[in-house]
Amino acid sequence: MAKDIGLNVTAPQEECADPNCPFHGTLSVRGQLLEGVVVSSKMDKTVVVQREYLKRNIKYDRYEKRRSKIHAHNPPCIDAKEGDKVTIAECRPLSKTKTFVIVEVSK
C-alpha cells in the first residue's frame, strides 16, 4: 500500500523497502516538480535526468534552448530506464549531488 505524497501522480503498483522512497519510505517531497528524460541509469538507485527549457534573451527579445542534467534517486518500485520520460520532485539532500527523487514515469 503506497502512501499519499500530496502530489497529483499515480502511485507505483510494486512495493519496496527503500527508506528513501516517497511512497513506501519516510522521504518527504517539497519544492519543485520537474519533467525530463532519463539519459543514464548506470548508477545504483540513481539516474541522470536531462531537461530542456527556454531562457529569454532580453537584448534580442528571443528565447534560446537550454538543457540541464539533474541527478535523481530511482526507487526500486519505480525503476526508470534510459529513454523514459519522468517527473521528479525536490526533496532533502540524499547525497552530495542528489536532491531530487523520481515520483512518476510517463511513457
PDB file of N, CA and C in Angstrom:
ATOM      1  N   MET A   1       0.844  -1.181   0.000  1.00  0.00           N
ATOM      2  CA  MET A   1       0.000   0.000   0.000  1.00  0.00           C
ATOM      3  C   MET A   1       0.890   1.245   0.000  1.00  0.00           C
ATOM      4  N   ALA A   2       0.776   2.044  -1.036  1.00  0.00           N
ATOM      5  CA  ALA A   2       1.576   3.250  -1.149  1.00  0.00           C
ATOM      6  C   ALA A   2       0.859   4.408  -0.460  1.00  0.00           C
ATOM      7  N   LYS A   3       1.620   5.237   0.246  1.00  0.00           N
ATOM      8  CA  LYS A   3       1.010   6.366   0.940  1.00  0.00           C
ATOM      9  C   LYS A   3       0.848   7.547  -0.014  1.00  0.00           C
ATOM     10  N   ASP A   4      -0.027   8.466   0.339  1.00  0.00           N
ATOM     11  CA  ASP A   4      -0.269   9.664  -0.455  1.00  0.00           C
ATOM     12  C   ASP A   4       0.846  10.666  -0.163  1.00  0.00           C
ATOM     13  N   ILE A   5       1.522  11.145  -1.230  1.00  0.00           N
ATOM     14  CA  ILE A   5       2.643  12.069  -1.030  1.00  0.00           C
ATOM     15  C   ILE A   5       2.240  13.520  -1.253  1.00  0.00           C
ATOM     16  N   GLY A   6       0.959  13.771  -1.571  1.00  0.00           N
ATOM     17  CA  GLY A   6       0.481  15.137  -1.725  1.00  0.00           C
ATOM     18  C   GLY A   6       0.628  15.698  -3.117  1.00  0.00           C
ATOM     19  N   LEU A   7       1.025  14.878  -4.089  1.00  0.00           N
ATOM     20  CA  LEU A   7       1.156  15.315  -5.473  1.00  0.00           C
ATOM     21  C   LEU A   7       0.148  14.569  -6.332  1.00  0.00           C
ATOM     22  N   ASN A   8      -0.197  15.142  -7.461  1.00  0.00           N
ATOM     23  CA  ASN A   8      -1.155  14.525  -8.371  1.00  0.00           C
ATOM     24  C   ASN A   8      -0.418  13.569  -9.309  1.00  0.00           C
ATOM     25  N   VAL A   9       0.114  12.486  -8.757  1.00  0.00           N
ATOM     26  CA  VAL A   9       0.818  11.462  -9.531  1.00  0.00           C
ATOM     27  C   VAL A   9       0.260  10.098  -9.150  1.00  0.00           C
ATOM     28  N   THR A  10       0.425   9.141 -10.069  1.00  0.00           N
ATOM     29  CA  THR A  10      -0.050   7.792  -9.782  1.00  0.00           C
ATOM     30  C   THR A  10       1.007   7.041  -8.981  1.00  0.00           C
ATOM     31  N   ALA A  11       0.563   6.361  -7.961  1.00  0.00           N
ATOM     32  CA  ALA A  11       1.477   5.595  -7.104  1.00  0.00           C
ATOM     33  C   ALA A  11       1.889   4.312  -7.814  1.00  0.00           C
ATOM     34  N   PRO A  12       3.117   3.829  -7.597  1.00  0.00           N
ATOM     35  CA  PRO A  12       3.556   2.584  -8.238  1.00  0.00           C
ATOM     36  C   PRO A  12       2.822   1.373  -7.674  1.00  0.00           C
ATOM     37  N   GLN A  13       2.674   0.343  -8.512  1.00  0.00           N
ATOM     38  CA  GLN A  13       1.977  -0.875  -8.101  1.00  0.00           C
ATOM     39  C   GLN A  13       2.851  -1.755  -7.213  1.00  0.00           C
ATOM     40  N   GLU A  14       4.167  -1.748  -7.456  1.00  0.00           N
ATOM     41  CA  GLU A  14       5.089  -2.604  -6.710  1.00  0.00           C
ATOM     42  C   GLU A  14       5.390  -2.012  -5.332  1.00  0.00           C
ATOM     43  N   GLU A  15       5.774  -2.875  -4.419  1.00  0.00           N
ATOM     44  CA  GLU A  15       6.204  -2.467  -3.081  1.00  0.00           C
ATOM     45  C   GLU A  15       7.732  -2.474  -3.036  1.00  0.00           C
ATOM     46  N   CYS A  16       8.303  -1.643  -2.167  1.00  0.00           N
ATOM     47  CA  CYS A  16       9.755  -1.669  -1.979  1.00  0.00           C
ATOM     48  C   CYS A  16      10.062  -1.372  -0.512  1.00  0.00           C
ATOM     49  N   ALA A  17      11.270  -1.702  -0.105  1.00  0.00           N
ATOM     50  CA  ALA A  17      11.696  -1.480   1.280  1.00  0.00           C
ATOM     51  C   ALA A  17      12.733  -0.367   1.375  1.00  0.00           C
ATOM     52  N   ASP A  18      12.763   0.511   0.365  1.00  0.00           N
ATOM     53  CA  ASP A  18      13.743   1.592   0.321  1.00  0.00           C
ATOM     54  C   ASP A  18      13.311   2.712   1.277  1.00  0.00           C
ATOM     55  N   PRO A  19      14.156   3.095   2.253  1.00  0.00           N
ATOM     56  CA  PRO A  19      13.772   4.186   3.157  1.00  0.00           C
ATOM     57  C   PRO A  19      13.723   5.546   2.459  1.00  0.00           C
ATOM     58  N   ASN A  20      14.369   5.678   1.285  1.00  0.00           N
ATOM     59  CA  ASN A  20      14.360   6.931   0.541  1.00  0.00           C
ATOM     60  C   ASN A  20      13.314   6.943  -0.567  1.00  0.00           C
ATOM     61  N   CYS A  21      12.295   6.116  -0.456  1.00  0.00           N
ATOM     62  CA  CYS A  21      11.188   6.106  -1.408  1.00  0.00           C
ATOM     63  C   CYS A  21      10.081   7.007  -0.861  1.00  0.00           C
ATOM     64  N   PRO A  22       9.557   7.950  -1.657  1.00  0.00           N
ATOM     65  CA  PRO A  22       8.494   8.812  -1.128  1.00  0.00           C
ATOM     66  C   PRO A  22       7.178   8.070  -0.890  1.00  0.00           C
ATOM     67  N   PHE A  23       6.959   6.942  -1.560  1.00  0.00           N
ATOM     68  CA  PHE A  23       5.707   6.200  -1.424  1.00  0.00           C
ATOM     69  C   PHE A  23       5.751   5.144  -0.318  1.00  0.00           C
ATOM     70  N   HIS A  24       6.901   4.474  -0.130  1.00  0.00           N
ATOM     71  CA  HIS A  24       6.994   3.370   0.827  1.00  0.00           C
ATOM     72  C   HIS A  24       7.970   3.638   1.968  1.00  0.00           C
ATOM     73  N   GLY A  25       8.713   4.732   1.891  1.00  0.00           N
ATOM     74  CA  GLY A  25       9.690   5.059   2.925  1.00  0.00           C
ATOM     75  C   GLY A  25       9.268   6.291   3.703  1.00  0.00           C
ATOM     76  N   THR A  26      10.266   7.005   4.213  1.00  0.00           N
ATOM     77  CA  THR A  26       9.993   8.177   5.048  1.00  0.00           C
ATOM     78  C   THR A  26      10.415   9.483   4.388  1.00  0.00           C
ATOM     79  N   LEU A  27      10.746   9.446   3.106  1.00  0.00           N
ATOM     80  CA  LEU A  27      11.222  10.646   2.408  1.00  0.00           C
ATOM     81  C   LEU A  27      10.047  11.556   2.059  1.00  0.00           C
ATOM     82  N   SER A  28      10.124  12.823   2.467  1.00  0.00           N
ATOM     83  CA  SER A  28       9.081  13.789   2.113  1.00  0.00           C
ATOM     84  C   SER A  28       9.550  14.610   0.919  1.00  0.00           C
ATOM     85  N   VAL A  29       8.605  14.986   0.070  1.00  0.00           N
ATOM     86  CA  VAL A  29       8.922  15.790  -1.110  1.00  0.00           C
ATOM     87  C   VAL A  29       8.313  17.171  -0.926  1.00  0.00           C
ATOM     88  N   ARG A  30       9.035  18.182  -1.412  1.00  0.00           N
ATOM     89  CA  ARG A  30       8.565  19.563  -1.360  1.00  0.00           C
ATOM     90  C   ARG A  30       9.337  20.337  -2.396  1.00  0.00           C
ATOM     91  N   GLY A  31       8.822  21.473  -2.800  1.00  0.00           N
ATOM     92  CA  GLY A  31       9.545  22.321  -3.738  1.00  0.00           C
ATOM     93  C   GLY A  31       9.180  22.048  -5.179  1.00  0.00           C
ATOM     94  N   GLN A  32      10.194  22.054  -6.041  1.00  0.00           N
ATOM     95  CA  GLN A  32       9.977  21.981  -7.481  1.00  0.00           C
ATOM     96  C   GLN A  32       9.498  20.612  -7.933  1.00  0.00           C
ATOM     97  N   LEU A  33       8.741  20.619  -9.037  1.00  0.00           N
ATOM     98  CA  LEU A  33       8.289  19.420  -9.718  1.00  0.00           C
ATOM     99  C   LEU A  33       8.694  19.598 -11.174  1.00  0.00           C
ATOM    100  N   LEU A  34       9.642  18.778 -11.664  1.00  0.00           N
ATOM    101  CA  LEU A  34      10.206  18.950 -12.999  1.00  0.00           C
ATOM    102  C   LEU A  34       9.975  17.710 -13.846  1.00  0.00           C
ATOM    103  N   GLU A  35      10.016  17.896 -15.171  1.00  0.00           N
ATOM    104  CA  GLU A  35       9.906  16.778 -16.105  1.00  0.00           C
ATOM    105  C   GLU A  35      11.162  16.727 -16.949  1.00  0.00           C
ATOM    106  N   GLY A  36      11.547  15.510 -17.335  1.00  0.00           N
ATOM    107  CA  GLY A  36      12.723  15.334 -18.168  1.00  0.00           C
ATOM    108  C   GLY A  36      12.808  13.913 -18.670  1.00  0.00           C
ATOM    109  N   VAL A  37      13.922  13.616 -19.351  1.00  0.00           N
ATOM    110  CA  VAL A  37      14.151  12.299 -19.935  1.00  0.00           C
ATOM    111  C   VAL A  37      15.375  11.684 -19.272  1.00  0.00           C
ATOM    112  N   VAL A  38      15.291  10.407 -18.932  1.00  0.00           N
ATOM    113  CA  VAL A  38      16.421   9.705 -18.321  1.00  0.00           C
ATOM    114  C   VAL A  38      17.470   9.451 -19.400  1.00  0.00           C
ATOM    115  N   VAL A  39      18.691   9.963 -19.199  1.00  0.00           N
ATOM    116  CA  VAL A  39      19.766   9.763 -20.170  1.00  0.00           C
ATOM    117  C   VAL A  39      20.793   8.755 -19.690  1.00  0.00           C
ATOM    118  N   SER A  40      20.828   8.456 -18.389  1.00  0.00           N
ATOM    119  CA  SER A  40      21.757   7.463 -17.865  1.00  0.00           C
ATOM    120  C   SER A  40      21.152   6.810 -16.632  1.00  0.00           C
ATOM    121  N   SER A  41      21.213   5.477 -16.608  1.00  0.00           N
ATOM    122  CA  SER A  41      20.727   4.746 -15.432  1.00  0.00           C
ATOM    123  C   SER A  41      21.741   3.695 -15.001  1.00  0.00           C
ATOM    124  N   LYS A  42      23.024   3.995 -15.187  1.00  0.00           N
ATOM    125  CA  LYS A  42      24.085   3.030 -14.892  1.00  0.00           C
ATOM    126  C   LYS A  42      24.439   2.965 -13.412  1.00  0.00           C
ATOM    127  N   MET A  43      24.125   4.009 -12.658  1.00  0.00           N
ATOM    128  CA  MET A  43      24.460   4.025 -11.237  1.00  0.00           C
ATOM    129  C   MET A  43      23.427   3.240 -10.433  1.00  0.00           C
ATOM    130  N   ASP A  44      23.795   2.853  -9.243  1.00  0.00           N
ATOM    131  CA  ASP A  44      22.903   2.090  -8.375  1.00  0.00           C
ATOM    132  C   ASP A  44      21.884   3.026  -7.728  1.00  0.00           C
ATOM    133  N   LYS A  45      20.603   2.833  -8.015  1.00  0.00           N
ATOM    134  CA  LYS A  45      19.490   3.616  -7.474  1.00  0.00           C
ATOM    135  C   LYS A  45      19.589   5.105  -7.807  1.00  0.00           C
ATOM    136  N   THR A  46      20.292   5.463  -8.861  1.00  0.00           N
ATOM    137  CA  THR A  46      20.436   6.855  -9.275  1.00  0.00           C
ATOM    138  C   THR A  46      20.334   6.941 -10.789  1.00  0.00           C
ATOM    139  N   VAL A  47      19.662   7.971 -11.280  1.00  0.00           N
ATOM    140  CA  VAL A  47      19.582   8.219 -12.717  1.00  0.00           C
ATOM    141  C   VAL A  47      19.966   9.672 -12.979  1.00  0.00           C
ATOM    142  N   VAL A  48      20.334   9.943 -14.236  1.00  0.00           N
ATOM    143  CA  VAL A  48      20.601  11.306 -14.668  1.00  0.00           C
ATOM    144  C   VAL A  48      19.445  11.715 -15.572  1.00  0.00           C
ATOM    145  N   VAL A  49      18.761  12.787 -15.193  1.00  0.00           N
ATOM    146  CA  VAL A  49      17.605  13.275 -15.940  1.00  0.00           C
ATOM    147  C   VAL A  49      18.011  14.559 -16.646  1.00  0.00           C
ATOM    148  N   GLN A  50      17.774  14.605 -17.958  1.00  0.00           N
ATOM    149  CA  GLN A  50      18.082  15.810 -18.727  1.00  0.00           C
ATOM    150  C   GLN A  50      16.774  16.516 -19.040  1.00  0.00           C
ATOM    151  N   ARG A  51      16.728  17.809 -18.728  1.00  0.00           N
ATOM    152  CA  ARG A  51      15.523  18.582 -19.031  1.00  0.00           C
ATOM    153  C   ARG A  51      15.884  19.752 -19.923  1.00  0.00           C
ATOM    154  N   GLU A  52      14.997  20.056 -20.845  1.00  0.00           N
ATOM    155  CA  GLU A  52      15.197  21.176 -21.756  1.00  0.00           C
ATOM    156  C   GLU A  52      14.219  22.281 -21.388  1.00  0.00           C
ATOM    157  N   TYR A  53      14.695  23.520 -21.469  1.00  0.00           N
ATOM    158  CA  TYR A  53      13.849  24.655 -21.137  1.00  0.00           C
ATOM    159  C   TYR A  53      14.248  25.832 -22.007  1.00  0.00           C
ATOM    160  N   LEU A  54      13.426  26.870 -22.024  1.00  0.00           N
ATOM    161  CA  LEU A  54      13.692  28.073 -22.799  1.00  0.00           C
ATOM    162  C   LEU A  54      14.103  29.195 -21.857  1.00  0.00           C
ATOM    163  N   LYS A  55      15.143  29.948 -22.262  1.00  0.00           N
ATOM    164  CA  LYS A  55      15.587  31.101 -21.488  1.00  0.00           C
ATOM    165  C   LYS A  55      15.461  32.324 -22.377  1.00  0.00           C
ATOM    166  N   ARG A  56      14.869  33.367 -21.837  1.00  0.00           N
ATOM    167  CA  ARG A  56      14.638  34.570 -22.627  1.00  0.00           C
ATOM    168  C   ARG A  56      15.911  35.405 -22.716  1.00  0.00           C
ATOM    169  N   ASN A  57      16.245  35.818 -23.949  1.00  0.00           N
ATOM    170  CA  ASN A  57      17.343  36.733 -24.186  1.00  0.00           C
ATOM    171  C   ASN A  57      16.729  38.122 -24.315  1.00  0.00           C
ATOM    172  N   ILE A  58      16.954  38.968 -23.329  1.00  0.00           N
ATOM    173  CA  ILE A  58      16.273  40.256 -23.265  1.00  0.00           C
ATOM    174  C   ILE A  58      16.739  41.196 -24.375  1.00  0.00           C
ATOM    175  N   LYS A  59      18.023  41.181 -24.689  1.00  0.00           N
ATOM    176  CA  LYS A  59      18.558  42.107 -25.685  1.00  0.00           C
ATOM    177  C   LYS A  59      17.919  41.901 -27.048  1.00  0.00           C
ATOM    178  N   TYR A  60      17.780  40.629 -27.462  1.00  0.00           N
ATOM    179  CA  TYR A  60      17.242  40.326 -28.788  1.00  0.00           C
ATOM    180  C   TYR A  60      15.769  39.931 -28.745  1.00  0.00           C
ATOM    181  N   ASP A  61      15.174  39.940 -27.558  1.00  0.00           N
ATOM    182  CA  ASP A  61      13.761  39.609 -27.376  1.00  0.00           C
ATOM    183  C   ASP A  61      13.401  38.274 -28.023  1.00  0.00           C
ATOM    184  N   ARG A  62      14.230  37.284 -27.757  1.00  0.00           N
ATOM    185  CA  ARG A  62      14.008  35.933 -28.268  1.00  0.00           C
ATOM    186  C   ARG A  62      14.277  34.936 -27.149  1.00  0.00           C
ATOM    187  N   TYR A  63      14.014  33.676 -27.453  1.00  0.00           N
ATOM    188  CA  TYR A  63      14.251  32.607 -26.490  1.00  0.00           C
ATOM    189  C   TYR A  63      15.313  31.665 -27.022  1.00  0.00           C
ATOM    190  N   GLU A  64      16.164  31.180 -26.138  1.00  0.00           N
ATOM    191  CA  GLU A  64      17.176  30.203 -26.538  1.00  0.00           C
ATOM    192  C   GLU A  64      16.941  28.904 -25.781  1.00  0.00           C
ATOM    193  N   LYS A  65      17.211  27.786 -26.457  1.00  0.00           N
ATOM    194  CA  LYS A  65      17.056  26.483 -25.827  1.00  0.00           C
ATOM    195  C   LYS A  65      18.236  26.231 -24.909  1.00  0.00           C
ATOM    196  N   ARG A  66      17.947  25.724 -23.740  1.00  0.00           N
ATOM    197  CA  ARG A  66      18.994  25.320 -22.803  1.00  0.00           C
ATOM    198  C   ARG A  66      18.635  23.959 -22.256  1.00  0.00           C
ATOM    199  N   ARG A  67      19.635  23.274 -21.717  1.00  0.00           N
ATOM    200  CA  ARG A  67      19.377  21.976 -21.101  1.00  0.00           C
ATOM    201  C   ARG A  67      20.237  21.835 -19.859  1.00  0.00           C
ATOM    202  N   SER A  68      19.732  21.038 -18.926  1.00  0.00           N
ATOM    203  CA  SER A  68      20.477  20.787 -17.700  1.00  0.00           C
ATOM    204  C   SER A  68      20.326  19.326 -17.328  1.00  0.00           C
ATOM    205  N   LYS A  69      21.321  18.804 -16.631  1.00  0.00           N
ATOM    206  CA  LYS A  69      21.295  17.422 -16.173  1.00  0.00           C
ATOM    207  C   LYS A  69      21.170  17.421 -14.657  1.00  0.00           C
ATOM    208  N   ILE A  70      20.239  16.604 -14.158  1.00  0.00           N
ATOM    209  CA  ILE A  70      19.954  16.543 -12.733  1.00  0.00           C
ATOM    210  C   ILE A  70      20.068  15.094 -12.285  1.00  0.00           C
ATOM    211  N   HIS A  71      20.788  14.852 -11.192  1.00  0.00           N
ATOM    212  CA  HIS A  71      20.870  13.516 -10.607  1.00  0.00           C
ATOM    213  C   HIS A  71      19.649  13.324  -9.715  1.00  0.00           C
ATOM    214  N   ALA A  72      18.979  12.178  -9.877  1.00  0.00           N
ATOM    215  CA  ALA A  72      17.770  11.900  -9.101  1.00  0.00           C
ATOM    216  C   ALA A  72      17.800  10.480  -8.568  1.00  0.00           C
ATOM    217  N   HIS A  73      17.170  10.285  -7.415  1.00  0.00           N
ATOM    218  CA  HIS A  73      17.075   8.956  -6.814  1.00  0.00           C
ATOM    219  C   HIS A  73      16.029   8.137  -7.563  1.00  0.00           C
ATOM    220  N   ASN A  74      16.347   6.877  -7.842  1.00  0.00           N
ATOM    221  CA  ASN A  74      15.466   5.971  -8.579  1.00  0.00           C
ATOM    222  C   ASN A  74      15.046   4.836  -7.644  1.00  0.00           C
ATOM    223  N   PRO A  75      13.877   4.943  -6.988  1.00  0.00           N
ATOM    224  CA  PRO A  75      13.449   3.878  -6.070  1.00  0.00           C
ATOM    225  C   PRO A  75      13.210   2.566  -6.811  1.00  0.00           C
ATOM    226  N   PRO A  76      13.422   1.423  -6.159  1.00  0.00           N
ATOM    227  CA  PRO A  76      13.229   0.123  -6.820  1.00  0.00           C
ATOM    228  C   PRO A  76      11.800  -0.114  -7.294  1.00  0.00           C
ATOM    229  N   CYS A  77      10.815   0.500  -6.647  1.00  0.00           N
ATOM    230  CA  CYS A  77       9.428   0.288  -7.072  1.00  0.00           C
ATOM    231  C   CYS A  77       9.110   1.018  -8.370  1.00  0.00           C
ATOM    232  N   ILE A  78       9.864   2.064  -8.708  1.00  0.00           N
ATOM    233  CA  ILE A  78       9.639   2.802  -9.956  1.00  0.00           C
ATOM    234  C   ILE A  78      10.558   2.278 -11.048  1.00  0.00           C
ATOM    235  N   ASP A  79      11.847   2.144 -10.765  1.00  0.00           N
ATOM    236  CA  ASP A  79      12.834   1.537 -11.659  1.00  0.00           C
ATOM    237  C   ASP A  79      12.771   2.094 -13.081  1.00  0.00           C
ATOM    238  N   ALA A  80      13.099   3.381 -13.247  1.00  0.00           N
ATOM    239  CA  ALA A  80      13.097   4.028 -14.558  1.00  0.00           C
ATOM    240  C   ALA A  80      14.313   3.600 -15.368  1.00  0.00           C
ATOM    241  N   LYS A  81      14.130   3.454 -16.664  1.00  0.00           N
ATOM    242  CA  LYS A  81      15.197   3.053 -17.587  1.00  0.00           C
ATOM    243  C   LYS A  81      15.568   4.236 -18.479  1.00  0.00           C
ATOM    244  N   GLU A  82      16.649   4.083 -19.244  1.00  0.00           N
ATOM    245  CA  GLU A  82      17.068   5.131 -20.171  1.00  0.00           C
ATOM    246  C   GLU A  82      15.999   5.346 -21.231  1.00  0.00           C
ATOM    247  N   GLY A  83      15.730   6.619 -21.545  1.00  0.00           N
ATOM    248  CA  GLY A  83      14.732   6.958 -22.548  1.00  0.00           C
ATOM    249  C   GLY A  83      13.351   7.213 -21.983  1.00  0.00           C
ATOM    250  N   ASP A  84      13.114   6.880 -20.716  1.00  0.00           N
ATOM    251  CA  ASP A  84      11.802   7.108 -20.099  1.00  0.00           C
ATOM    252  C   ASP A  84      11.621   8.589 -19.785  1.00  0.00           C
ATOM    253  N   LYS A  85      10.407   9.082 -20.002  1.00  0.00           N
ATOM    254  CA  LYS A  85      10.072  10.440 -19.596  1.00  0.00           C
ATOM    255  C   LYS A  85       9.574  10.369 -18.157  1.00  0.00           C
ATOM    256  N   VAL A  86      10.198  11.139 -17.267  1.00  0.00           N
ATOM    257  CA  VAL A  86       9.903  11.030 -15.842  1.00  0.00           C
ATOM    258  C   VAL A  86       9.540  12.387 -15.249  1.00  0.00           C
ATOM    259  N   THR A  87       8.861  12.331 -14.118  1.00  0.00           N
ATOM    260  CA  THR A  87       8.580  13.504 -13.303  1.00  0.00           C
ATOM    261  C   THR A  87       9.383  13.357 -12.022  1.00  0.00           C
ATOM    262  N   ILE A  88      10.161  14.393 -11.692  1.00  0.00           N
ATOM    263  CA  ILE A  88      10.984  14.348 -10.489  1.00  0.00           C
ATOM    264  C   ILE A  88      10.538  15.458  -9.538  1.00  0.00           C
ATOM    265  N   ALA A  89      10.658  15.178  -8.245  1.00  0.00           N
ATOM    266  CA  ALA A  89      10.266  16.139  -7.216  1.00  0.00           C
ATOM    267  C   ALA A  89      11.457  16.422  -6.314  1.00  0.00           C
ATOM    268  N   GLU A  90      11.524  17.639  -5.816  1.00  0.00           N
ATOM    269  CA  GLU A  90      12.618  18.040  -4.936  1.00  0.00           C
ATOM    270  C   GLU A  90      12.415  17.441  -3.549  1.00  0.00           C
ATOM    271  N   CYS A  91      13.516  17.074  -2.925  1.00  0.00           N
ATOM    272  CA  CYS A  91      13.469  16.517  -1.572  1.00  0.00           C
ATOM    273  C   CYS A  91      14.712  16.999  -0.821  1.00  0.00           C
ATOM    274  N   ARG A  92      14.899  16.480   0.367  1.00  0.00           N
ATOM    275  CA  ARG A  92      16.095  16.840   1.131  1.00  0.00           C
ATOM    276  C   ARG A  92      17.329  16.267   0.425  1.00  0.00           C
ATOM    277  N   PRO A  93      18.524  16.771   0.687  1.00  0.00           N
ATOM    278  CA  PRO A  93      19.719  16.208   0.051  1.00  0.00           C
ATOM    279  C   PRO A  93      19.940  14.754   0.458  1.00  0.00           C
ATOM    280  N   LEU A  94      20.018  13.870  -0.544  1.00  0.00           N
ATOM    281  CA  LEU A  94      20.266  12.452  -0.296  1.00  0.00           C
ATOM    282  C   LEU A  94      21.750  12.133  -0.389  1.00  0.00           C
ATOM    283  N   SER A  95      22.497  12.942  -1.124  1.00  0.00           N
ATOM    284  CA  SER A  95      23.947  12.799  -1.224  1.00  0.00           C
ATOM    285  C   SER A  95      24.499  14.154  -1.653  1.00  0.00           C
ATOM    286  N   LYS A  96      25.750  14.183  -2.065  1.00  0.00           N
ATOM    287  CA  LYS A  96      26.371  15.440  -2.466  1.00  0.00           C
ATOM    288  C   LYS A  96      25.668  16.060  -3.673  1.00  0.00           C
ATOM    289  N   THR A  97      25.196  15.224  -4.607  1.00  0.00           N
ATOM    290  CA  THR A  97      24.603  15.745  -5.839  1.00  0.00           C
ATOM    291  C   THR A  97      23.123  15.426  -6.003  1.00  0.00           C
ATOM    292  N   LYS A  98      22.551  14.560  -5.179  1.00  0.00           N
ATOM    293  CA  LYS A  98      21.152  14.151  -5.351  1.00  0.00           C
ATOM    294  C   LYS A  98      20.227  14.901  -4.400  1.00  0.00           C
ATOM    295  N   THR A  99      19.332  15.728  -4.970  1.00  0.00           N
ATOM    296  CA  THR A  99      18.301  16.393  -4.178  1.00  0.00           C
ATOM    297  C   THR A  99      16.928  16.228  -4.823  1.00  0.00           C
ATOM    298  N   PHE A 100      16.799  15.300  -5.749  1.00  0.00           N
ATOM    299  CA  PHE A 100      15.526  15.023  -6.410  1.00  0.00           C
ATOM    300  C   PHE A 100      15.253  13.528  -6.356  1.00  0.00           C
ATOM    301  N   VAL A 101      13.972  13.159  -6.462  1.00  0.00           N
ATOM    302  CA  VAL A 101      13.565  11.759  -6.475  1.00  0.00           C
ATOM    303  C   VAL A 101      12.505  11.597  -7.566  1.00  0.00           C
ATOM    304  N   ILE A 102      12.533  10.462  -8.260  1.00  0.00           N
ATOM    305  CA  ILE A 102      11.541  10.192  -9.299  1.00  0.00           C
ATOM    306  C   ILE A 102      10.221   9.829  -8.625  1.00  0.00           C
ATOM    307  N   VAL A 103       9.136  10.476  -9.060  1.00  0.00           N
ATOM    308  CA  VAL A 103       7.821  10.174  -8.500  1.00  0.00           C
ATOM    309  C   VAL A 103       6.880   9.540  -9.518  1.00  0.00           C
ATOM    310  N   GLU A 104       7.202   9.660 -10.824  1.00  0.00           N
ATOM    311  CA  GLU A 104       6.309   9.083 -11.831  1.00  0.00           C
ATOM    312  C   GLU A 104       7.065   8.873 -13.136  1.00  0.00           C
ATOM    313  N   VAL A 105       6.739   7.773 -13.821  1.00  0.00           N
ATOM    314  CA  VAL A 105       7.270   7.500 -15.158  1.00  0.00           C
ATOM    315  C   VAL A 105       6.105   7.580 -16.122  1.00  0.00           C
ATOM    316  N   SER A 106       6.218   8.469 -17.123  1.00  0.00           N
ATOM    317  CA  SER A 106       5.180   8.569 -18.151  1.00  0.00           C
ATOM    318  C   SER A 106       5.805   8.175 -19.477  1.00  0.00           C
ATOM    319  N   LYS A 107       5.301   7.147 -20.075  1.00  0.00           N
ATOM    320  CA  LYS A 107       5.896   6.597 -21.301  1.00  0.00           C
ATOM    321  C   LYS A 107       5.684   7.504 -22.487  1.00  0.00           C
TER     322      LYS A 107
END
